[in-house]
Amino acid sequence: MGILKVASTSSPNKVAGALAGVLRESGRAELQAIGAGAVNQGIKAVAIARGYLAPSGVDLICIPAFIDIKIDGVERTAIKLIVEHK
């Protein structure tokens, strides 16, 4: 499963393209985002990727969850979006 990290400055279209590529290759991907802006960009990317994949008959499922990650030795809580084929 591919892990994509999303920031508040990430382009939703670029993240969606990367997400669609990972989903085509492995069928499952995970987006990780810390903060409201990053989560917003991640959700937009999932919606855009769904549009990219829908014409080929692929529908997506998005499962949100919390995850604790360490950044520079500091533990932070992030949102992970597990995205897979329906």
PDB file of N, CA and C in Angstrom:
ATOM      1  N   MET A   1       0.856  -1.179   0.000  1.00  0.00           N
ATOM      2  CA  MET A   1       0.000   0.000   0.000  1.00  0.00           C
ATOM      3  C   MET A   1       0.893   1.231   0.000  1.00  0.00           C
ATOM      4  N   GLY A   2       0.589   2.178  -0.886  1.00  0.00           N
ATOM      5  CA  GLY A   2       1.356   3.404  -0.960  1.00  0.00           C
ATOM      6  C   GLY A   2       0.869   4.429   0.040  1.00  0.00           C
ATOM      7  N   ILE A   3       1.806   5.145   0.672  1.00  0.00           N
ATOM      8  CA  ILE A   3       1.460   6.203   1.617  1.00  0.00           C
ATOM      9  C   ILE A   3       1.820   7.530   0.985  1.00  0.00           C
ATOM     10  N   LEU A   4       0.820   8.409   0.901  1.00  0.00           N
ATOM     11  CA  LEU A   4       1.016   9.746   0.358  1.00  0.00           C
ATOM     12  C   LEU A   4       0.798  10.751   1.478  1.00  0.00           C
ATOM     13  N   LYS A   5       1.748  11.661   1.665  1.00  0.00           N
ATOM     14  CA  LYS A   5       1.617  12.680   2.699  1.00  0.00           C
ATOM     15  C   LYS A   5       1.102  13.954   2.048  1.00  0.00           C
ATOM     16  N   VAL A   6       0.083  14.540   2.680  1.00  0.00           N
ATOM     17  CA  VAL A   6      -0.581  15.712   2.126  1.00  0.00           C
ATOM     18  C   VAL A   6      -0.366  16.893   3.065  1.00  0.00           C
ATOM     19  N   ALA A   7      -0.025  18.040   2.506  1.00  0.00           N
ATOM     20  CA  ALA A   7       0.128  19.281   3.267  1.00  0.00           C
ATOM     21  C   ALA A   7      -0.975  20.257   2.866  1.00  0.00           C
ATOM     22  N   SER A   8      -1.128  21.303   3.646  1.00  0.00           N
ATOM     23  CA  SER A   8      -2.147  22.297   3.318  1.00  0.00           C
ATOM     24  C   SER A   8      -1.814  23.022   2.015  1.00  0.00           C
ATOM     25  N   THR A   9      -0.545  22.976   1.608  1.00  0.00           N
ATOM     26  CA  THR A   9      -0.126  23.635   0.364  1.00  0.00           C
ATOM     27  C   THR A   9      -0.101  22.676  -0.831  1.00  0.00           C
ATOM     28  N   SER A  10      -0.457  21.406  -0.599  1.00  0.00           N
ATOM     29  CA  SER A  10      -0.464  20.420  -1.688  1.00  0.00           C
ATOM     30  C   SER A  10      -1.536  20.753  -2.717  1.00  0.00           C
ATOM     31  N   SER A  11      -1.216  20.521  -3.966  1.00  0.00           N
ATOM     32  CA  SER A  11      -2.188  20.695  -5.039  1.00  0.00           C
ATOM     33  C   SER A  11      -3.100  19.466  -5.076  1.00  0.00           C
ATOM     34  N   PRO A  12      -4.415  19.651  -4.892  1.00  0.00           N
ATOM     35  CA  PRO A  12      -5.317  18.502  -4.912  1.00  0.00           C
ATOM     36  C   PRO A  12      -5.260  17.715  -6.225  1.00  0.00           C
ATOM     37  N   ASN A  13      -5.047  18.406  -7.341  1.00  0.00           N
ATOM     38  CA  ASN A  13      -4.972  17.720  -8.633  1.00  0.00           C
ATOM     39  C   ASN A  13      -3.740  16.829  -8.729  1.00  0.00           C
ATOM     40  N   LYS A  14      -2.614  17.306  -8.215  1.00  0.00           N
ATOM     41  CA  LYS A  14      -1.394  16.495  -8.243  1.00  0.00           C
ATOM     42  C   LYS A  14      -1.504  15.307  -7.294  1.00  0.00           C
ATOM     43  N   VAL A  15      -2.068  15.539  -6.111  1.00  0.00           N
ATOM     44  CA  VAL A  15      -2.260  14.437  -5.154  1.00  0.00           C
ATOM     45  C   VAL A  15      -3.227  13.417  -5.750  1.00  0.00           C
ATOM     46  N   ALA A  16      -4.290  13.899  -6.408  1.00  0.00           N
ATOM     47  CA  ALA A  16      -5.266  13.000  -7.031  1.00  0.00           C
ATOM     48  C   ALA A  16      -4.615  12.150  -8.108  1.00  0.00           C
ATOM     49  N   GLY A  17      -3.732  12.735  -8.914  1.00  0.00           N
ATOM     50  CA  GLY A  17      -3.032  11.975  -9.944  1.00  0.00           C
ATOM     51  C   GLY A  17      -2.151  10.896  -9.338  1.00  0.00           C
ATOM     52  N   ALA A  18      -1.426  11.259  -8.278  1.00  0.00           N
ATOM     53  CA  ALA A  18      -0.582  10.278  -7.597  1.00  0.00           C
ATOM     54  C   ALA A  18      -1.433   9.192  -6.957  1.00  0.00           C
ATOM     55  N   LEU A  19      -2.538   9.581  -6.352  1.00  0.00           N
ATOM     56  CA  LEU A  19      -3.451   8.627  -5.716  1.00  0.00           C
ATOM     57  C   LEU A  19      -4.030   7.661  -6.742  1.00  0.00           C
ATOM     58  N   ALA A  20      -4.472   8.181  -7.872  1.00  0.00           N
ATOM     59  CA  ALA A  20      -5.020   7.326  -8.930  1.00  0.00           C
ATOM     60  C   ALA A  20      -3.968   6.345  -9.434  1.00  0.00           C
ATOM     61  N   GLY A  21      -2.737   6.799  -9.564  1.00  0.00           N
ATOM     62  CA  GLY A  21      -1.656   5.913 -10.006  1.00  0.00           C
ATOM     63  C   GLY A  21      -1.395   4.788  -9.020  1.00  0.00           C
ATOM     64  N   VAL A  22      -1.345   5.113  -7.731  1.00  0.00           N
ATOM     65  CA  VAL A  22      -1.122   4.088  -6.705  1.00  0.00           C
ATOM     66  C   VAL A  22      -2.294   3.111  -6.686  1.00  0.00           C
ATOM     67  N   LEU A  23      -3.511   3.617  -6.812  1.00  0.00           N
ATOM     68  CA  LEU A  23      -4.690   2.747  -6.799  1.00  0.00           C
ATOM     69  C   LEU A  23      -4.715   1.819  -8.009  1.00  0.00           C
ATOM     70  N   ARG A  24      -4.316   2.318  -9.165  1.00  0.00           N
ATOM     71  CA  ARG A  24      -4.267   1.456 -10.356  1.00  0.00           C
ATOM     72  C   ARG A  24      -3.231   0.347 -10.187  1.00  0.00           C
ATOM     73  N   GLU A  25      -2.131   0.685  -9.525  1.00  0.00           N
ATOM     74  CA  GLU A  25      -1.035  -0.262  -9.358  1.00  0.00           C
ATOM     75  C   GLU A  25      -1.312  -1.296  -8.257  1.00  0.00           C
ATOM     76  N   SER A  26      -1.768  -0.825  -7.092  1.00  0.00           N
ATOM     77  CA  SER A  26      -1.898  -1.749  -5.963  1.00  0.00           C
ATOM     78  C   SER A  26      -3.315  -1.895  -5.413  1.00  0.00           C
ATOM     79  N   GLY A  27      -4.239  -1.032  -5.850  1.00  0.00           N
ATOM     80  CA  GLY A  27      -5.624  -1.164  -5.403  1.00  0.00           C
ATOM     81  C   GLY A  27      -5.920  -0.564  -4.047  1.00  0.00           C
ATOM     82  N   ARG A  28      -4.897  -0.041  -3.363  1.00  0.00           N
ATOM     83  CA  ARG A  28      -5.094   0.518  -2.033  1.00  0.00           C
ATOM     84  C   ARG A  28      -4.029   1.579  -1.770  1.00  0.00           C
ATOM     85  N   ALA A  29      -4.431   2.682  -1.135  1.00  0.00           N
ATOM     86  CA  ALA A  29      -3.489   3.745  -0.808  1.00  0.00           C
ATOM     87  C   ALA A  29      -3.896   4.392   0.509  1.00  0.00           C
ATOM     88  N   GLU A  30      -2.961   5.105   1.094  1.00  0.00           N
ATOM     89  CA  GLU A  30      -3.226   5.814   2.336  1.00  0.00           C
ATOM     90  C   GLU A  30      -2.724   7.244   2.198  1.00  0.00           C
ATOM     91  N   LEU A  31      -3.592   8.202   2.528  1.00  0.00           N
ATOM     92  CA  LEU A  31      -3.194   9.602   2.599  1.00  0.00           C
ATOM     93  C   LEU A  31      -3.020   9.947   4.063  1.00  0.00           C
ATOM     94  N   GLN A  32      -1.971  10.681   4.415  1.00  0.00           N
ATOM     95  CA  GLN A  32      -1.764  11.145   5.780  1.00  0.00           C
ATOM     96  C   GLN A  32      -1.735  12.660   5.780  1.00  0.00           C
ATOM     97  N   ALA A  33      -2.488  13.268   6.718  1.00  0.00           N
ATOM     98  CA  ALA A  33      -2.583  14.719   6.777  1.00  0.00           C
ATOM     99  C   ALA A  33      -2.639  15.179   8.230  1.00  0.00           C
ATOM    100  N   ILE A  34      -1.927  16.256   8.516  1.00  0.00           N
ATOM    101  CA  ILE A  34      -1.966  16.865   9.845  1.00  0.00           C
ATOM    102  C   ILE A  34      -2.506  18.277   9.689  1.00  0.00           C
ATOM    103  N   GLY A  35      -3.602  18.570  10.375  1.00  0.00           N
ATOM    104  CA  GLY A  35      -4.206  19.902  10.328  1.00  0.00           C
ATOM    105  C   GLY A  35      -5.374  19.978   9.376  1.00  0.00           C
ATOM    106  N   ALA A  36      -6.235  20.941   9.641  1.00  0.00           N
ATOM    107  CA  ALA A  36      -7.468  21.087   8.873  1.00  0.00           C
ATOM    108  C   ALA A  36      -7.216  21.369   7.396  1.00  0.00           C
ATOM    109  N   GLY A  37      -6.242  22.223   7.093  1.00  0.00           N
ATOM    110  CA  GLY A  37      -5.949  22.551   5.698  1.00  0.00           C
ATOM    111  C   GLY A  37      -5.463  21.348   4.917  1.00  0.00           C
ATOM    112  N   ALA A  38      -4.619  20.546   5.537  1.00  0.00           N
ATOM    113  CA  ALA A  38      -4.099  19.351   4.864  1.00  0.00           C
ATOM    114  C   ALA A  38      -5.198  18.317   4.665  1.00  0.00           C
ATOM    115  N   VAL A  39      -6.053  18.149   5.666  1.00  0.00           N
ATOM    116  CA  VAL A  39      -7.175  17.207   5.533  1.00  0.00           C
ATOM    117  C   VAL A  39      -8.106  17.669   4.419  1.00  0.00           C
ATOM    118  N   ASN A  40      -8.350  18.968   4.325  1.00  0.00           N
ATOM    119  CA  ASN A  40      -9.198  19.521   3.264  1.00  0.00           C
ATOM    120  C   ASN A  40      -8.629  19.187   1.890  1.00  0.00           C
ATOM    121  N   GLN A  41      -7.319  19.380   1.709  1.00  0.00           N
ATOM    122  CA  GLN A  41      -6.691  19.078   0.418  1.00  0.00           C
ATOM    123  C   GLN A  41      -6.762  17.582   0.131  1.00  0.00           C
ATOM    124  N   GLY A  42      -6.603  16.758   1.154  1.00  0.00           N
ATOM    125  CA  GLY A  42      -6.683  15.313   0.974  1.00  0.00           C
ATOM    126  C   GLY A  42      -8.063  14.849   0.538  1.00  0.00           C
ATOM    127  N   ILE A  43      -9.101  15.401   1.152  1.00  0.00           N
ATOM    128  CA  ILE A  43     -10.476  15.038   0.785  1.00  0.00           C
ATOM    129  C   ILE A  43     -10.770  15.480  -0.650  1.00  0.00           C
ATOM    130  N   LYS A  44     -10.322  16.678  -1.002  1.00  0.00           N
ATOM    131  CA  LYS A  44     -10.503  17.134  -2.391  1.00  0.00           C
ATOM    132  C   LYS A  44      -9.795  16.194  -3.363  1.00  0.00           C
ATOM    133  N   ALA A  45      -8.603  15.746  -3.001  1.00  0.00           N
ATOM    134  CA  ALA A  45      -7.842  14.846  -3.867  1.00  0.00           C
ATOM    135  C   ALA A  45      -8.572  13.521  -4.058  1.00  0.00           C
ATOM    136  N   VAL A  46      -9.185  12.996  -2.999  1.00  0.00           N
ATOM    137  CA  VAL A  46      -9.943  11.746  -3.126  1.00  0.00           C
ATOM    138  C   VAL A  46     -11.115  11.939  -4.091  1.00  0.00           C
ATOM    139  N   ALA A  47     -11.818  13.059  -3.965  1.00  0.00           N
ATOM    140  CA  ALA A  47     -12.952  13.328  -4.851  1.00  0.00           C
ATOM    141  C   ALA A  47     -12.501  13.454  -6.308  1.00  0.00           C
ATOM    142  N   ILE A  48     -11.379  14.128  -6.528  1.00  0.00           N
ATOM    143  CA  ILE A  48     -10.865  14.297  -7.890  1.00  0.00           C
ATOM    144  C   ILE A  48     -10.397  12.956  -8.450  1.00  0.00           C
ATOM    145  N   ALA A  49      -9.696  12.161  -7.630  1.00  0.00           N
ATOM    146  CA  ALA A  49      -9.228  10.841  -8.077  1.00  0.00           C
ATOM    147  C   ALA A  49     -10.400   9.945  -8.440  1.00  0.00           C
ATOM    148  N   ARG A  50     -11.481  10.058  -7.690  1.00  0.00           N
ATOM    149  CA  ARG A  50     -12.687   9.277  -8.010  1.00  0.00           C
ATOM    150  C   ARG A  50     -13.172   9.628  -9.415  1.00  0.00           C
ATOM    151  N   GLY A  51     -13.123  10.915  -9.748  1.00  0.00           N
ATOM    152  CA  GLY A  51     -13.498  11.347 -11.092  1.00  0.00           C
ATOM    153  C   GLY A  51     -12.560  10.806 -12.162  1.00  0.00           C
ATOM    154  N   TYR A  52     -11.276  10.696 -11.838  1.00  0.00           N
ATOM    155  CA  TYR A  52     -10.314  10.143 -12.784  1.00  0.00           C
ATOM    156  C   TYR A  52     -10.581   8.659 -13.054  1.00  0.00           C
ATOM    157  N   LEU A  53     -10.956   7.921 -12.007  1.00  0.00           N
ATOM    158  CA  LEU A  53     -11.087   6.469 -12.112  1.00  0.00           C
ATOM    159  C   LEU A  53     -12.486   5.997 -12.507  1.00  0.00           C
ATOM    160  N   ALA A  54     -13.504   6.817 -12.305  1.00  0.00           N
ATOM    161  CA  ALA A  54     -14.889   6.415 -12.573  1.00  0.00           C
ATOM    162  C   ALA A  54     -15.128   5.991 -14.025  1.00  0.00           C
ATOM    163  N   PRO A  55     -14.566   6.676 -15.022  1.00  0.00           N
ATOM    164  CA  PRO A  55     -14.817   6.258 -16.409  1.00  0.00           C
ATOM    165  C   PRO A  55     -14.356   4.831 -16.723  1.00  0.00           C
ATOM    166  N   SER A  56     -13.383   4.327 -15.958  1.00  0.00           N
ATOM    167  CA  SER A  56     -12.925   2.954 -16.186  1.00  0.00           C
ATOM    168  C   SER A  56     -13.680   1.950 -15.311  1.00  0.00           C
ATOM    169  N   GLY A  57     -14.758   2.413 -14.680  1.00  0.00           N
ATOM    170  CA  GLY A  57     -15.608   1.521 -13.888  1.00  0.00           C
ATOM    171  C   GLY A  57     -15.122   1.269 -12.474  1.00  0.00           C
ATOM    172  N   VAL A  58     -14.170   2.065 -11.996  1.00  0.00           N
ATOM    173  CA  VAL A  58     -13.635   1.892 -10.645  1.00  0.00           C
ATOM    174  C   VAL A  58     -14.296   2.899  -9.717  1.00  0.00           C
ATOM    175  N   ASP A  59     -14.883   2.395  -8.626  1.00  0.00           N
ATOM    176  CA  ASP A  59     -15.445   3.270  -7.601  1.00  0.00           C
ATOM    177  C   ASP A  59     -14.567   3.155  -6.366  1.00  0.00           C
ATOM    178  N   LEU A  60     -14.489   4.220  -5.580  1.00  0.00           N
ATOM    179  CA  LEU A  60     -13.590   4.255  -4.441  1.00  0.00           C
ATOM    180  C   LEU A  60     -14.333   4.222  -3.114  1.00  0.00           C
ATOM    181  N   ILE A  61     -13.669   3.661  -2.122  1.00  0.00           N
ATOM    182  CA  ILE A  61     -14.116   3.704  -0.741  1.00  0.00           C
ATOM    183  C   ILE A  61     -13.042   4.463   0.027  1.00  0.00           C
ATOM    184  N   CYS A  62     -13.457   5.381   0.908  1.00  0.00           N
ATOM    185  CA  CYS A  62     -12.520   6.158   1.719  1.00  0.00           C
ATOM    186  C   CYS A  62     -12.850   5.918   3.188  1.00  0.00           C
ATOM    187  N   ILE A  63     -11.873   5.415   3.932  1.00  0.00           N
ATOM    188  CA  ILE A  63     -12.052   5.115   5.350  1.00  0.00           C
ATOM    189  C   ILE A  63     -11.159   6.060   6.150  1.00  0.00           C
ATOM    190  N   PRO A  64     -11.763   7.009   6.902  1.00  0.00           N
ATOM    191  CA  PRO A  64     -10.952   7.916   7.714  1.00  0.00           C
ATOM    192  C   PRO A  64     -10.598   7.282   9.058  1.00  0.00           C
ATOM    193  N   ALA A  65      -9.417   7.618   9.572  1.00  0.00           N
ATOM    194  CA  ALA A  65      -8.981   7.111  10.875  1.00  0.00           C
ATOM    195  C   ALA A  65      -7.916   8.047  11.434  1.00  0.00           C
ATOM    196  N   PHE A  66      -7.657   7.924  12.726  1.00  0.00           N
ATOM    197  CA  PHE A  66      -6.571   8.662  13.361  1.00  0.00           C
ATOM    198  C   PHE A  66      -5.319   7.798  13.372  1.00  0.00           C
ATOM    199  N   ILE A  67      -4.175   8.459  13.350  1.00  0.00           N
ATOM    200  CA  ILE A  67      -2.889   7.773  13.445  1.00  0.00           C
ATOM    201  C   ILE A  67      -1.923   8.686  14.203  1.00  0.00           C
ATOM    202  N   ASP A  68      -1.097   8.104  15.056  1.00  0.00           N
ATOM    203  CA  ASP A  68      -0.058   8.863  15.750  1.00  0.00           C
ATOM    204  C   ASP A  68       1.248   8.677  14.994  1.00  0.00           C
ATOM    205  N   ILE A  69       1.885   9.797  14.634  1.00  0.00           N
ATOM    206  CA  ILE A  69       3.149   9.739  13.906  1.00  0.00           C
ATOM    207  C   ILE A  69       4.170  10.630  14.607  1.00  0.00           C
ATOM    208  N   LYS A  70       5.443  10.328  14.422  1.00  0.00           N
ATOM    209  CA  LYS A  70       6.504  11.135  15.012  1.00  0.00           C
ATOM    210  C   LYS A  70       7.132  12.013  13.942  1.00  0.00           C
ATOM    211  N   ILE A  71       7.240  13.284  14.261  1.00  0.00           N
ATOM    212  CA  ILE A  71       7.904  14.238  13.379  1.00  0.00           C
ATOM    213  C   ILE A  71       8.959  14.953  14.211  1.00  0.00           C
ATOM    214  N   ASP A  72      10.216  14.794  13.859  1.00  0.00           N
ATOM    215  CA  ASP A  72      11.340  15.371  14.606  1.00  0.00           C
ATOM    216  C   ASP A  72      11.280  15.001  16.083  1.00  0.00           C
ATOM    217  N   GLY A  73      10.923  13.752  16.365  1.00  0.00           N
ATOM    218  CA  GLY A  73      10.877  13.264  17.739  1.00  0.00           C
ATOM    219  C   GLY A  73       9.634  13.651  18.521  1.00  0.00           C
ATOM    220  N   VAL A  74       8.730  14.405  17.908  1.00  0.00           N
ATOM    221  CA  VAL A  74       7.497  14.835  18.569  1.00  0.00           C
ATOM    222  C   VAL A  74       6.334  14.029  18.009  1.00  0.00           C
ATOM    223  N   GLU A  75       5.550  13.443  18.898  1.00  0.00           N
ATOM    224  CA  GLU A  75       4.407  12.653  18.449  1.00  0.00           C
ATOM    225  C   GLU A  75       3.226  13.571  18.139  1.00  0.00           C
ATOM    226  N   ARG A  76       2.642  13.388  16.954  1.00  0.00           N
ATOM    227  CA  ARG A  76       1.503  14.195  16.506  1.00  0.00           C
ATOM    228  C   ARG A  76       0.380  13.266  16.082  1.00  0.00           C
ATOM    229  N   THR A  77      -0.837  13.748  16.187  1.00  0.00           N
ATOM    230  CA  THR A  77      -1.991  12.985  15.721  1.00  0.00           C
ATOM    231  C   THR A  77      -2.346  13.470  14.324  1.00  0.00           C
ATOM    232  N   ALA A  78      -2.471  12.535  13.414  1.00  0.00           N
ATOM    233  CA  ALA A  78      -2.813  12.852  12.026  1.00  0.00           C
ATOM    234  C   ALA A  78      -4.095  12.126  11.655  1.00  0.00           C
ATOM    235  N   ILE A  79      -4.659  12.537  10.548  1.00  0.00           N
ATOM    236  CA  ILE A  79      -5.787  11.834   9.954  1.00  0.00           C
ATOM    237  C   ILE A  79      -5.213  11.001   8.814  1.00  0.00           C
ATOM    238  N   LYS A  80      -5.610   9.733   8.767  1.00  0.00           N
ATOM    239  CA  LYS A  80      -5.234   8.934   7.602  1.00  0.00           C
ATOM    240  C   LYS A  80      -6.521   8.585   6.864  1.00  0.00           C
ATOM    241  N   LEU A  81      -6.435   8.672   5.570  1.00  0.00           N
ATOM    242  CA  LEU A  81      -7.551   8.327   4.690  1.00  0.00           C
ATOM    243  C   LEU A  81      -7.121   7.091   3.915  1.00  0.00           C
ATOM    244  N   ILE A  82      -7.732   5.958   4.241  1.00  0.00           N
ATOM    245  CA  ILE A  82      -7.442   4.729   3.521  1.00  0.00           C
ATOM    246  C   ILE A  82      -8.386   4.687   2.335  1.00  0.00           C
ATOM    247  N   VAL A  83      -7.831   4.603   1.147  1.00  0.00           N
ATOM    248  CA  VAL A  83      -8.629   4.644  -0.084  1.00  0.00           C
ATOM    249  C   VAL A  83      -8.388   3.331  -0.832  1.00  0.00           C
ATOM    250  N   GLU A  84      -9.476   2.688  -1.239  1.00  0.00           N
ATOM    251  CA  GLU A  84      -9.363   1.431  -1.978  1.00  0.00           C
ATOM    252  C   GLU A  84     -10.505   1.304  -2.975  1.00  0.00           C
ATOM    253  N   HIS A  85     -10.368   0.328  -3.870  1.00  0.00           N
ATOM    254  CA  HIS A  85     -11.411   0.041  -4.856  1.00  0.00           C
ATOM    255  C   HIS A  85     -12.627  -0.533  -4.145  1.00  0.00           C
ATOM    256  N   LYS A  86     -13.785  -0.236  -4.667  1.00  0.00           N
ATOM    257  CA  LYS A  86     -15.028  -0.819  -4.128  1.00  0.00           C
ATOM    258  C   LYS A  86     -15.224  -2.193  -4.682  1.00  0.00           C
TER     259      LYS A  86
END
